[in-house]
N, C-alpha and C. Protein backbone atom coordinates (compact mmCIF):
# COMPACT_ATOMS: atom_id res chain seq x y z
N MET A 1 0.85 -1.19 0.00
CA MET A 1 0.00 0.00 0.00
C MET A 1 0.89 1.25 0.00
N ALA A 2 0.52 2.21 -0.80
CA ALA A 2 1.30 3.45 -0.87
C ALA A 2 1.25 4.18 0.46
N ASP A 3 2.25 5.01 0.68
CA ASP A 3 2.27 5.80 1.91
C ASP A 3 0.99 6.63 2.01
N GLN A 4 0.42 6.67 3.19
CA GLN A 4 -0.81 7.41 3.41
C GLN A 4 -0.50 8.82 3.89
N PRO A 5 -1.26 9.81 3.42
CA PRO A 5 -1.01 11.18 3.89
C PRO A 5 -1.40 11.33 5.35
N ASP A 6 -0.76 12.26 6.01
CA ASP A 6 -1.09 12.59 7.40
C ASP A 6 -2.29 13.53 7.38
N LEU A 7 -3.47 12.98 7.59
CA LEU A 7 -4.69 13.77 7.48
C LEU A 7 -4.77 14.87 8.53
N ASP A 8 -4.19 14.61 9.70
CA ASP A 8 -4.22 15.64 10.75
C ASP A 8 -3.36 16.84 10.39
N THR A 9 -2.38 16.64 9.50
CA THR A 9 -1.58 17.76 9.02
C THR A 9 -2.31 18.49 7.89
N LEU A 10 -3.00 17.72 7.06
CA LEU A 10 -3.70 18.32 5.92
C LEU A 10 -4.91 19.15 6.35
N TYR A 11 -5.62 18.70 7.38
CA TYR A 11 -6.89 19.32 7.74
C TYR A 11 -6.86 19.84 9.17
N ALA A 12 -7.50 20.98 9.36
CA ALA A 12 -7.69 21.51 10.72
C ALA A 12 -8.72 20.65 11.45
N PRO A 13 -8.66 20.59 12.75
CA PRO A 13 -9.67 19.83 13.50
C PRO A 13 -11.02 20.51 13.41
N PRO A 14 -12.11 19.76 13.55
CA PRO A 14 -13.44 20.39 13.56
C PRO A 14 -13.57 21.32 14.75
N SER A 15 -14.39 22.32 14.58
CA SER A 15 -14.56 23.30 15.66
C SER A 15 -15.27 22.66 16.85
N PRO A 16 -15.02 23.17 18.06
CA PRO A 16 -15.73 22.65 19.23
C PRO A 16 -17.25 22.71 19.07
N MET A 17 -17.74 23.73 18.37
CA MET A 17 -19.18 23.85 18.13
C MET A 17 -19.71 22.64 17.37
N ILE A 18 -18.97 22.23 16.31
CA ILE A 18 -19.38 21.08 15.52
C ILE A 18 -19.34 19.81 16.36
N GLU A 19 -18.29 19.65 17.14
CA GLU A 19 -18.15 18.45 17.97
C GLU A 19 -19.28 18.37 18.99
N LYS A 20 -19.63 19.50 19.61
CA LYS A 20 -20.68 19.49 20.63
C LYS A 20 -22.05 19.24 20.04
N ALA A 21 -22.25 19.59 18.76
CA ALA A 21 -23.55 19.42 18.12
C ALA A 21 -23.80 17.98 17.67
N MET A 22 -22.77 17.13 17.71
CA MET A 22 -22.96 15.72 17.39
C MET A 22 -23.42 14.99 18.65
N LEU A 23 -24.64 14.46 18.62
CA LEU A 23 -25.25 13.88 19.80
C LEU A 23 -25.41 12.37 19.66
N ASP A 24 -25.76 11.74 20.76
CA ASP A 24 -25.97 10.29 20.76
C ASP A 24 -27.45 9.94 20.88
N ARG A 25 -28.31 10.91 20.58
CA ARG A 25 -29.76 10.71 20.71
C ARG A 25 -30.49 11.69 19.80
N ILE A 26 -31.73 11.37 19.51
CA ILE A 26 -32.59 12.25 18.72
C ILE A 26 -33.17 13.32 19.64
N VAL A 27 -33.01 14.58 19.26
CA VAL A 27 -33.65 15.67 20.00
C VAL A 27 -34.71 16.30 19.09
N ASP A 28 -35.40 17.30 19.62
CA ASP A 28 -36.55 17.86 18.88
C ASP A 28 -36.16 18.37 17.50
N TYR A 29 -34.97 18.99 17.36
CA TYR A 29 -34.57 19.51 16.05
C TYR A 29 -34.42 18.38 15.03
N HIS A 30 -33.80 17.28 15.44
CA HIS A 30 -33.69 16.13 14.54
C HIS A 30 -35.07 15.60 14.18
N ALA A 31 -35.93 15.48 15.20
CA ALA A 31 -37.27 14.94 14.96
C ALA A 31 -38.06 15.82 13.99
N ASP A 32 -37.87 17.14 14.06
CA ASP A 32 -38.56 18.05 13.13
C ASP A 32 -38.20 17.70 11.69
N TYR A 33 -36.92 17.45 11.45
CA TYR A 33 -36.48 17.11 10.10
C TYR A 33 -36.92 15.71 9.69
N LEU A 34 -36.89 14.77 10.61
CA LEU A 34 -37.32 13.41 10.28
C LEU A 34 -38.81 13.38 9.95
N ARG A 35 -39.59 14.26 10.54
CA ARG A 35 -41.03 14.28 10.24
C ARG A 35 -41.31 14.68 8.81
N ILE A 36 -40.39 15.40 8.17
CA ILE A 36 -40.62 15.82 6.78
C ILE A 36 -39.70 15.07 5.80
N ALA A 37 -38.84 14.19 6.31
CA ALA A 37 -37.88 13.48 5.46
C ALA A 37 -38.59 12.50 4.54
N THR A 38 -38.20 12.51 3.27
CA THR A 38 -38.77 11.60 2.27
C THR A 38 -37.72 10.72 1.60
N PHE A 39 -36.42 10.95 1.89
CA PHE A 39 -35.38 10.20 1.18
C PHE A 39 -34.11 10.14 2.01
N PHE A 40 -33.49 8.95 2.05
CA PHE A 40 -32.15 8.84 2.61
C PHE A 40 -31.42 7.69 1.94
N CYS A 41 -30.11 7.65 2.09
CA CYS A 41 -29.29 6.53 1.64
C CYS A 41 -28.81 5.77 2.86
N LEU A 42 -28.89 4.44 2.78
CA LEU A 42 -28.51 3.56 3.87
C LEU A 42 -27.22 2.85 3.50
N ALA A 43 -26.19 3.01 4.32
CA ALA A 43 -24.91 2.35 4.11
C ALA A 43 -24.77 1.18 5.08
N THR A 44 -24.41 0.02 4.54
CA THR A 44 -24.20 -1.18 5.34
C THR A 44 -22.95 -1.90 4.82
N GLY A 45 -22.50 -2.88 5.56
CA GLY A 45 -21.33 -3.62 5.09
C GLY A 45 -21.14 -4.92 5.84
N ARG A 46 -20.31 -5.77 5.30
CA ARG A 46 -19.89 -7.02 5.94
C ARG A 46 -18.56 -7.41 5.30
N SER A 47 -18.04 -8.57 5.67
CA SER A 47 -16.73 -8.96 5.18
C SER A 47 -16.70 -9.07 3.65
N GLY A 48 -17.82 -9.39 3.04
CA GLY A 48 -17.87 -9.55 1.59
C GLY A 48 -17.93 -8.26 0.81
N GLY A 49 -18.16 -7.12 1.49
CA GLY A 49 -18.22 -5.85 0.77
C GLY A 49 -19.19 -4.88 1.40
N LEU A 50 -19.37 -3.76 0.73
CA LEU A 50 -20.20 -2.68 1.22
C LEU A 50 -21.40 -2.47 0.31
N ASP A 51 -22.40 -1.75 0.82
CA ASP A 51 -23.59 -1.48 0.03
C ASP A 51 -24.15 -0.12 0.45
N ALA A 52 -24.65 0.64 -0.52
CA ALA A 52 -25.37 1.88 -0.25
C ALA A 52 -26.69 1.79 -0.99
N SER A 53 -27.78 1.94 -0.26
CA SER A 53 -29.10 1.70 -0.83
C SER A 53 -30.00 2.91 -0.63
N PRO A 54 -30.67 3.41 -1.71
CA PRO A 54 -31.60 4.53 -1.56
C PRO A 54 -32.91 4.06 -0.93
N ARG A 55 -33.47 4.90 -0.05
CA ARG A 55 -34.75 4.61 0.59
C ARG A 55 -35.64 5.84 0.50
N GLY A 56 -36.90 5.64 0.14
CA GLY A 56 -37.81 6.77 0.02
C GLY A 56 -39.20 6.43 0.50
N GLY A 57 -39.96 7.44 0.84
CA GLY A 57 -41.33 7.25 1.29
C GLY A 57 -41.99 8.58 1.54
N PRO A 58 -43.23 8.55 2.02
CA PRO A 58 -43.92 9.80 2.34
C PRO A 58 -43.25 10.49 3.53
N PRO A 59 -43.51 11.78 3.72
CA PRO A 59 -42.88 12.47 4.85
C PRO A 59 -43.07 11.72 6.16
N GLY A 60 -41.96 11.55 6.89
CA GLY A 60 -42.03 10.86 8.17
C GLY A 60 -41.98 9.35 8.08
N PHE A 61 -41.59 8.80 6.92
CA PHE A 61 -41.59 7.34 6.80
C PHE A 61 -40.54 6.68 7.69
N VAL A 62 -39.55 7.45 8.13
CA VAL A 62 -38.63 6.97 9.17
C VAL A 62 -39.21 7.42 10.51
N HIS A 63 -39.60 6.45 11.33
CA HIS A 63 -40.29 6.74 12.59
C HIS A 63 -39.30 6.84 13.75
N VAL A 64 -39.48 7.84 14.58
CA VAL A 64 -38.72 7.95 15.82
C VAL A 64 -39.47 7.17 16.88
N LEU A 65 -38.93 6.02 17.29
CA LEU A 65 -39.58 5.19 18.30
C LEU A 65 -39.32 5.74 19.70
N ASP A 66 -38.13 6.27 19.90
CA ASP A 66 -37.75 6.93 21.14
C ASP A 66 -36.48 7.71 20.83
N PRO A 67 -35.95 8.50 21.76
CA PRO A 67 -34.80 9.35 21.43
C PRO A 67 -33.55 8.61 20.95
N ARG A 68 -33.49 7.32 21.16
CA ARG A 68 -32.31 6.57 20.74
C ARG A 68 -32.62 5.49 19.70
N THR A 69 -33.83 5.53 19.12
CA THR A 69 -34.21 4.47 18.19
C THR A 69 -35.08 5.01 17.07
N VAL A 70 -34.74 4.65 15.82
CA VAL A 70 -35.59 4.95 14.67
C VAL A 70 -35.85 3.65 13.92
N ALA A 71 -36.91 3.65 13.13
CA ALA A 71 -37.26 2.45 12.37
C ALA A 71 -37.90 2.84 11.05
N PHE A 72 -37.73 1.97 10.05
CA PHE A 72 -38.36 2.20 8.75
C PHE A 72 -38.71 0.86 8.12
N ALA A 73 -39.73 0.88 7.29
CA ALA A 73 -40.21 -0.34 6.63
C ALA A 73 -39.34 -0.69 5.43
N ASP A 74 -39.30 -1.97 5.10
CA ASP A 74 -38.68 -2.40 3.85
C ASP A 74 -39.77 -2.60 2.82
N TRP A 75 -39.62 -1.96 1.68
CA TRP A 75 -40.59 -2.09 0.58
C TRP A 75 -39.90 -2.71 -0.63
N PRO A 76 -40.67 -3.26 -1.58
CA PRO A 76 -40.07 -4.01 -2.69
C PRO A 76 -39.05 -3.22 -3.50
N GLY A 77 -37.97 -3.89 -3.84
CA GLY A 77 -36.95 -3.33 -4.72
C GLY A 77 -36.55 -4.39 -5.71
N ASN A 78 -35.24 -4.69 -5.78
CA ASN A 78 -34.78 -5.69 -6.74
C ASN A 78 -34.60 -7.08 -6.10
N ASN A 79 -35.01 -7.20 -4.83
CA ASN A 79 -34.95 -8.46 -4.09
C ASN A 79 -33.54 -8.97 -3.82
N ARG A 80 -32.53 -8.12 -4.00
CA ARG A 80 -31.19 -8.51 -3.57
C ARG A 80 -31.07 -8.44 -2.05
N ILE A 81 -31.89 -7.61 -1.42
CA ILE A 81 -31.93 -7.41 0.03
C ILE A 81 -30.53 -7.41 0.67
N GLU A 82 -29.60 -6.74 -0.03
CA GLU A 82 -28.23 -6.69 0.46
C GLU A 82 -28.12 -6.00 1.82
N SER A 83 -28.89 -4.94 2.02
CA SER A 83 -28.80 -4.21 3.28
C SER A 83 -29.16 -5.11 4.46
N MET A 84 -30.28 -5.83 4.34
CA MET A 84 -30.69 -6.70 5.45
C MET A 84 -29.73 -7.86 5.64
N ARG A 85 -29.21 -8.42 4.56
CA ARG A 85 -28.21 -9.49 4.70
C ARG A 85 -26.95 -8.96 5.40
N ASN A 86 -26.54 -7.76 5.02
CA ASN A 86 -25.37 -7.16 5.67
C ASN A 86 -25.62 -6.94 7.16
N ILE A 87 -26.78 -6.42 7.50
CA ILE A 87 -27.10 -6.14 8.90
C ILE A 87 -27.07 -7.40 9.74
N GLN A 88 -27.50 -8.52 9.17
CA GLN A 88 -27.46 -9.77 9.92
C GLN A 88 -26.03 -10.24 10.18
N ALA A 89 -25.08 -9.78 9.37
CA ALA A 89 -23.68 -10.16 9.55
C ALA A 89 -22.89 -9.08 10.30
N ASP A 90 -23.24 -7.81 10.08
CA ASP A 90 -22.53 -6.69 10.70
C ASP A 90 -23.56 -5.59 10.90
N ASP A 91 -23.91 -5.30 12.14
CA ASP A 91 -25.07 -4.45 12.38
C ASP A 91 -24.78 -2.95 12.30
N ARG A 92 -23.57 -2.55 11.94
CA ARG A 92 -23.27 -1.12 11.83
C ARG A 92 -23.91 -0.53 10.56
N VAL A 93 -24.57 0.62 10.72
CA VAL A 93 -25.22 1.28 9.59
C VAL A 93 -24.99 2.78 9.67
N ALA A 94 -25.15 3.43 8.51
CA ALA A 94 -25.14 4.89 8.44
C ALA A 94 -26.28 5.33 7.54
N MET A 95 -26.95 6.41 7.93
CA MET A 95 -28.09 6.94 7.18
C MET A 95 -27.79 8.40 6.83
N LEU A 96 -27.95 8.75 5.56
CA LEU A 96 -27.72 10.11 5.10
C LEU A 96 -29.01 10.63 4.45
N PHE A 97 -29.63 11.63 5.08
CA PHE A 97 -30.90 12.19 4.62
C PHE A 97 -30.66 13.42 3.75
N LEU A 98 -31.36 13.47 2.61
CA LEU A 98 -31.39 14.64 1.74
C LEU A 98 -32.78 15.24 1.81
N PHE A 99 -32.85 16.57 1.78
CA PHE A 99 -34.12 17.28 1.87
C PHE A 99 -34.26 18.18 0.64
N PRO A 100 -35.09 17.79 -0.33
CA PRO A 100 -35.20 18.57 -1.56
C PRO A 100 -35.43 20.06 -1.30
N GLY A 101 -34.56 20.86 -1.91
CA GLY A 101 -34.67 22.30 -1.77
C GLY A 101 -33.91 22.89 -0.61
N LEU A 102 -33.44 22.04 0.33
CA LEU A 102 -32.74 22.55 1.51
C LEU A 102 -31.24 22.30 1.40
N GLU A 103 -30.47 23.17 2.03
CA GLU A 103 -29.00 23.08 1.98
C GLU A 103 -28.45 22.52 3.29
N VAL A 104 -28.96 21.37 3.68
CA VAL A 104 -28.51 20.72 4.90
C VAL A 104 -28.77 19.22 4.77
N PHE A 105 -27.92 18.42 5.38
CA PHE A 105 -28.10 16.98 5.45
C PHE A 105 -28.27 16.59 6.91
N LEU A 106 -28.88 15.44 7.14
CA LEU A 106 -28.95 14.85 8.47
C LEU A 106 -28.31 13.47 8.40
N ARG A 107 -27.42 13.19 9.34
CA ARG A 107 -26.74 11.90 9.36
C ARG A 107 -27.03 11.18 10.67
N ILE A 108 -27.30 9.88 10.55
CA ILE A 108 -27.47 9.02 11.72
C ILE A 108 -26.57 7.81 11.55
N ASN A 109 -25.75 7.53 12.55
CA ASN A 109 -24.93 6.32 12.58
C ASN A 109 -25.40 5.48 13.76
N GLY A 110 -25.44 4.17 13.57
CA GLY A 110 -25.90 3.33 14.66
C GLY A 110 -25.74 1.86 14.38
N ASN A 111 -26.45 1.06 15.15
CA ASN A 111 -26.46 -0.39 15.01
C ASN A 111 -27.88 -0.84 14.74
N ALA A 112 -28.05 -1.69 13.73
CA ALA A 112 -29.38 -2.02 13.24
C ALA A 112 -29.72 -3.49 13.44
N SER A 113 -31.01 -3.76 13.41
CA SER A 113 -31.51 -5.13 13.40
C SER A 113 -32.72 -5.18 12.49
N VAL A 114 -33.01 -6.36 11.97
CA VAL A 114 -34.18 -6.57 11.12
C VAL A 114 -35.28 -7.17 11.99
N SER A 115 -36.47 -6.59 11.89
CA SER A 115 -37.58 -7.02 12.74
C SER A 115 -38.81 -7.39 11.91
N THR A 116 -39.52 -8.41 12.37
CA THR A 116 -40.83 -8.76 11.79
C THR A 116 -41.88 -8.71 12.89
N GLU A 117 -41.64 -7.93 13.92
CA GLU A 117 -42.56 -7.82 15.05
C GLU A 117 -43.87 -7.20 14.57
N PRO A 118 -45.01 -7.88 14.74
CA PRO A 118 -46.28 -7.43 14.15
C PRO A 118 -46.69 -6.01 14.52
N ALA A 119 -46.52 -5.63 15.78
CA ALA A 119 -46.96 -4.29 16.18
C ALA A 119 -46.13 -3.22 15.49
N LEU A 120 -44.82 -3.47 15.31
CA LEU A 120 -43.96 -2.50 14.62
C LEU A 120 -44.34 -2.42 13.15
N LEU A 121 -44.54 -3.56 12.50
CA LEU A 121 -44.92 -3.54 11.08
C LEU A 121 -46.24 -2.81 10.89
N ASP A 122 -47.16 -2.99 11.82
CA ASP A 122 -48.44 -2.29 11.73
C ASP A 122 -48.25 -0.79 11.86
N ARG A 123 -47.35 -0.37 12.72
CA ARG A 123 -47.07 1.05 12.89
C ARG A 123 -46.44 1.66 11.64
N LEU A 124 -45.66 0.86 10.90
CA LEU A 124 -44.94 1.36 9.74
C LEU A 124 -45.70 1.19 8.42
N LYS A 125 -46.88 0.60 8.47
CA LYS A 125 -47.59 0.35 7.21
C LYS A 125 -48.00 1.66 6.56
N GLU A 126 -48.18 1.62 5.25
CA GLU A 126 -48.61 2.79 4.49
C GLU A 126 -49.96 2.47 3.86
N GLY A 127 -50.99 3.16 4.34
CA GLY A 127 -52.35 2.80 3.98
C GLY A 127 -52.65 1.41 4.55
N GLU A 128 -53.08 0.51 3.68
CA GLU A 128 -53.32 -0.87 4.11
C GLU A 128 -52.15 -1.78 3.76
N ARG A 129 -51.06 -1.20 3.26
CA ARG A 129 -49.91 -1.99 2.84
C ARG A 129 -49.00 -2.26 4.03
N LEU A 130 -48.83 -3.55 4.33
CA LEU A 130 -48.02 -3.97 5.47
C LEU A 130 -46.67 -4.47 4.98
N PRO A 131 -45.56 -3.95 5.49
CA PRO A 131 -44.24 -4.43 5.03
C PRO A 131 -43.95 -5.83 5.55
N LYS A 132 -43.09 -6.55 4.85
CA LYS A 132 -42.66 -7.87 5.30
C LYS A 132 -41.70 -7.77 6.47
N ALA A 133 -40.89 -6.71 6.49
CA ALA A 133 -39.87 -6.56 7.52
C ALA A 133 -39.59 -5.07 7.72
N ALA A 134 -38.92 -4.78 8.83
CA ALA A 134 -38.52 -3.41 9.14
C ALA A 134 -37.09 -3.43 9.64
N THR A 135 -36.43 -2.28 9.51
CA THR A 135 -35.10 -2.10 10.06
C THR A 135 -35.20 -1.16 11.25
N VAL A 136 -34.65 -1.58 12.35
CA VAL A 136 -34.65 -0.79 13.59
C VAL A 136 -33.20 -0.37 13.86
N VAL A 137 -32.98 0.92 14.06
CA VAL A 137 -31.63 1.45 14.24
C VAL A 137 -31.49 2.04 15.63
N ALA A 138 -30.55 1.50 16.41
CA ALA A 138 -30.17 2.09 17.69
C ALA A 138 -29.15 3.19 17.40
N VAL A 139 -29.50 4.41 17.74
CA VAL A 139 -28.71 5.59 17.36
C VAL A 139 -27.46 5.70 18.24
N ASN A 140 -26.32 5.82 17.57
CA ASN A 140 -25.05 6.11 18.27
C ASN A 140 -24.62 7.56 18.08
N GLU A 141 -24.82 8.08 16.87
CA GLU A 141 -24.44 9.45 16.55
C GLU A 141 -25.49 10.04 15.63
N VAL A 142 -25.83 11.30 15.88
CA VAL A 142 -26.73 12.01 14.98
C VAL A 142 -26.23 13.45 14.87
N LEU A 143 -26.17 13.93 13.63
CA LEU A 143 -25.64 15.28 13.41
C LEU A 143 -26.20 15.87 12.13
N PHE A 144 -26.28 17.19 12.11
CA PHE A 144 -26.57 17.91 10.88
C PHE A 144 -25.25 18.16 10.17
N HIS A 145 -25.30 18.07 8.83
CA HIS A 145 -24.11 18.19 8.00
C HIS A 145 -24.34 19.34 7.03
N CYS A 146 -23.34 20.18 6.85
CA CYS A 146 -23.51 21.36 6.00
C CYS A 146 -23.84 20.97 4.56
N GLY A 147 -24.50 21.89 3.86
CA GLY A 147 -25.00 21.60 2.52
C GLY A 147 -24.14 22.10 1.39
N LYS A 148 -22.84 22.27 1.62
CA LYS A 148 -21.98 22.76 0.54
C LYS A 148 -22.02 21.85 -0.68
N ALA A 149 -22.12 20.54 -0.46
CA ALA A 149 -22.15 19.61 -1.59
C ALA A 149 -23.35 19.87 -2.49
N VAL A 150 -24.48 20.26 -1.89
CA VAL A 150 -25.68 20.60 -2.68
C VAL A 150 -25.37 21.73 -3.65
N ASN A 151 -24.68 22.74 -3.16
CA ASN A 151 -24.40 23.90 -4.02
C ASN A 151 -23.26 23.63 -5.00
N ARG A 152 -22.30 22.80 -4.60
CA ARG A 152 -21.27 22.43 -5.57
C ARG A 152 -21.90 21.66 -6.73
N ALA A 153 -22.87 20.84 -6.43
CA ALA A 153 -23.56 20.05 -7.46
C ALA A 153 -24.67 20.83 -8.15
N LYS A 154 -25.03 21.99 -7.58
CA LYS A 154 -26.20 22.75 -8.06
C LYS A 154 -27.42 21.83 -8.11
N LEU A 155 -27.55 21.03 -7.07
CA LEU A 155 -28.48 19.90 -7.09
C LEU A 155 -29.93 20.29 -7.26
N TRP A 156 -30.36 21.37 -6.59
CA TRP A 156 -31.78 21.70 -6.60
C TRP A 156 -32.16 22.72 -7.68
N LEU A 157 -31.21 23.14 -8.50
CA LEU A 157 -31.54 24.13 -9.53
C LEU A 157 -32.25 23.45 -10.71
N PRO A 158 -33.30 24.07 -11.24
CA PRO A 158 -34.02 23.47 -12.36
C PRO A 158 -33.11 23.15 -13.55
N GLU A 159 -32.12 24.00 -13.80
CA GLU A 159 -31.25 23.76 -14.95
C GLU A 159 -30.32 22.57 -14.76
N SER A 160 -30.29 22.02 -13.55
CA SER A 160 -29.46 20.84 -13.29
C SER A 160 -30.16 19.53 -13.63
N ARG A 161 -31.45 19.60 -13.93
CA ARG A 161 -32.18 18.38 -14.30
C ARG A 161 -31.60 17.81 -15.59
N ILE A 162 -31.40 16.50 -15.60
CA ILE A 162 -30.74 15.83 -16.72
C ILE A 162 -31.76 15.48 -17.80
N ASP A 163 -31.41 15.75 -19.03
CA ASP A 163 -32.24 15.36 -20.17
C ASP A 163 -32.09 13.86 -20.36
N ARG A 164 -33.16 13.12 -20.10
CA ARG A 164 -33.11 11.66 -20.13
C ARG A 164 -32.69 11.12 -21.50
N THR A 165 -32.95 11.86 -22.55
CA THR A 165 -32.64 11.37 -23.90
C THR A 165 -31.15 11.41 -24.20
N THR A 166 -30.35 12.01 -23.33
CA THR A 166 -28.91 12.09 -23.58
C THR A 166 -28.16 10.85 -23.08
N LEU A 167 -28.87 9.92 -22.43
CA LEU A 167 -28.24 8.74 -21.85
C LEU A 167 -28.95 7.47 -22.30
N PRO A 168 -28.28 6.32 -22.26
CA PRO A 168 -28.95 5.06 -22.60
C PRO A 168 -30.12 4.80 -21.65
N THR A 169 -31.17 4.18 -22.14
CA THR A 169 -32.33 3.88 -21.30
C THR A 169 -32.04 2.68 -20.41
N VAL A 170 -32.87 2.51 -19.38
CA VAL A 170 -32.72 1.37 -18.49
C VAL A 170 -32.88 0.06 -19.26
N GLY A 171 -33.84 0.01 -20.16
CA GLY A 171 -34.05 -1.20 -20.95
C GLY A 171 -32.85 -1.55 -21.81
N LYS A 172 -32.29 -0.57 -22.48
CA LYS A 172 -31.12 -0.80 -23.33
C LYS A 172 -29.94 -1.30 -22.50
N MET A 173 -29.73 -0.69 -21.32
CA MET A 173 -28.62 -1.11 -20.47
C MET A 173 -28.82 -2.52 -19.93
N LEU A 174 -30.07 -2.83 -19.52
CA LEU A 174 -30.34 -4.17 -18.97
C LEU A 174 -30.12 -5.25 -20.01
N VAL A 175 -30.59 -5.02 -21.22
CA VAL A 175 -30.40 -6.00 -22.29
C VAL A 175 -28.92 -6.23 -22.55
N ALA A 176 -28.12 -5.16 -22.54
CA ALA A 176 -26.69 -5.29 -22.81
C ALA A 176 -25.95 -5.91 -21.63
N LEU A 177 -26.21 -5.42 -20.43
CA LEU A 177 -25.44 -5.86 -19.26
C LEU A 177 -25.79 -7.29 -18.84
N ALA A 178 -27.04 -7.69 -19.03
CA ALA A 178 -27.45 -9.05 -18.69
C ALA A 178 -27.33 -10.00 -19.88
N ASP A 179 -26.83 -9.48 -20.99
CA ASP A 179 -26.62 -10.28 -22.19
C ASP A 179 -27.90 -10.97 -22.65
N LEU A 180 -28.97 -10.18 -22.70
CA LEU A 180 -30.28 -10.70 -23.14
C LEU A 180 -30.43 -10.42 -24.63
N GLN A 181 -29.77 -11.22 -25.43
CA GLN A 181 -29.59 -10.90 -26.85
C GLN A 181 -30.89 -10.80 -27.63
N ASP A 182 -31.89 -11.60 -27.28
CA ASP A 182 -33.13 -11.60 -28.05
C ASP A 182 -34.22 -10.76 -27.40
N ALA A 183 -33.87 -10.03 -26.34
CA ALA A 183 -34.89 -9.26 -25.61
C ALA A 183 -35.18 -7.94 -26.31
N ASP A 184 -36.35 -7.40 -26.03
CA ASP A 184 -36.81 -6.15 -26.61
C ASP A 184 -36.56 -5.02 -25.59
N ALA A 185 -35.58 -4.19 -25.86
CA ALA A 185 -35.24 -3.11 -24.93
C ALA A 185 -36.42 -2.16 -24.74
N ASP A 186 -37.18 -1.89 -25.80
CA ASP A 186 -38.32 -0.98 -25.69
C ASP A 186 -39.38 -1.55 -24.75
N ALA A 187 -39.59 -2.86 -24.80
CA ALA A 187 -40.56 -3.50 -23.90
C ALA A 187 -40.09 -3.40 -22.45
N PHE A 188 -38.79 -3.59 -22.22
CA PHE A 188 -38.25 -3.43 -20.87
C PHE A 188 -38.44 -2.00 -20.39
N ASP A 189 -38.20 -1.04 -21.27
CA ASP A 189 -38.38 0.36 -20.90
C ASP A 189 -39.82 0.65 -20.51
N ALA A 190 -40.77 0.15 -21.29
CA ALA A 190 -42.18 0.38 -20.99
C ALA A 190 -42.56 -0.22 -19.65
N HIS A 191 -42.07 -1.45 -19.39
CA HIS A 191 -42.37 -2.09 -18.10
C HIS A 191 -41.73 -1.32 -16.95
N TYR A 192 -40.48 -0.91 -17.13
CA TYR A 192 -39.77 -0.19 -16.07
C TYR A 192 -40.46 1.14 -15.78
N ASP A 193 -40.79 1.89 -16.82
CA ASP A 193 -41.43 3.19 -16.63
C ASP A 193 -42.73 3.06 -15.84
N HIS A 194 -43.48 1.98 -16.09
CA HIS A 194 -44.72 1.77 -15.35
C HIS A 194 -44.43 1.35 -13.91
N ALA A 195 -43.53 0.37 -13.76
CA ALA A 195 -43.26 -0.20 -12.44
C ALA A 195 -42.65 0.81 -11.49
N VAL A 196 -41.71 1.61 -11.98
CA VAL A 196 -40.99 2.51 -11.10
C VAL A 196 -41.90 3.63 -10.57
N ARG A 197 -43.03 3.86 -11.25
CA ARG A 197 -43.97 4.89 -10.81
C ARG A 197 -45.21 4.32 -10.12
N ASN A 198 -45.58 3.08 -10.43
CA ASN A 198 -46.88 2.57 -9.97
C ASN A 198 -46.81 1.31 -9.11
N GLU A 199 -45.71 0.58 -9.15
CA GLU A 199 -45.62 -0.65 -8.36
C GLU A 199 -44.66 -0.42 -7.19
N LEU A 200 -45.02 0.54 -6.34
CA LEU A 200 -44.14 0.99 -5.27
C LEU A 200 -44.18 0.10 -4.04
N TYR A 201 -45.24 -0.67 -3.88
CA TYR A 201 -45.39 -1.50 -2.70
C TYR A 201 -45.70 -2.95 -3.06
């Protein structure tokens, strides 16, 4: 391995204000943001590798069970269920929340478990839709993170929206990457466009 840089020489230490604002529990300010949160990325890992998975839902889909515990439902995806498999092997997780239009992130680090406890699943259901499983996170660290990355990316500006026609479609990529030589990419695209908008649960 190449020589590693001395990071403590390269970077100044975080300010005492930043250090003091990192807590080991959910307080009212965090709960205010979680009540309106609709999207976060979940990071998990085990000896075989790492995974980062997007999670979305209606405002407040991540529930604060108590000041040291949050939970969220698992809804259908690609059925790889890598996050839950990782959690069963290594329970450390990180959650990064994005808030459309806002220049701030919320981060939660903790230890997770997968639950099928009926009362919890009932609490996390959406309408009459009951999840098969839920992830429960015991909070170790929670902090607000500055939004400079949002502005570097110009993430929320209308002109930053990508023209979908400038990139290969999902159907075309799937046919090529899965080597589906006789498949119809247009049919895959039509199915994907419907499923990604209408088959959410």
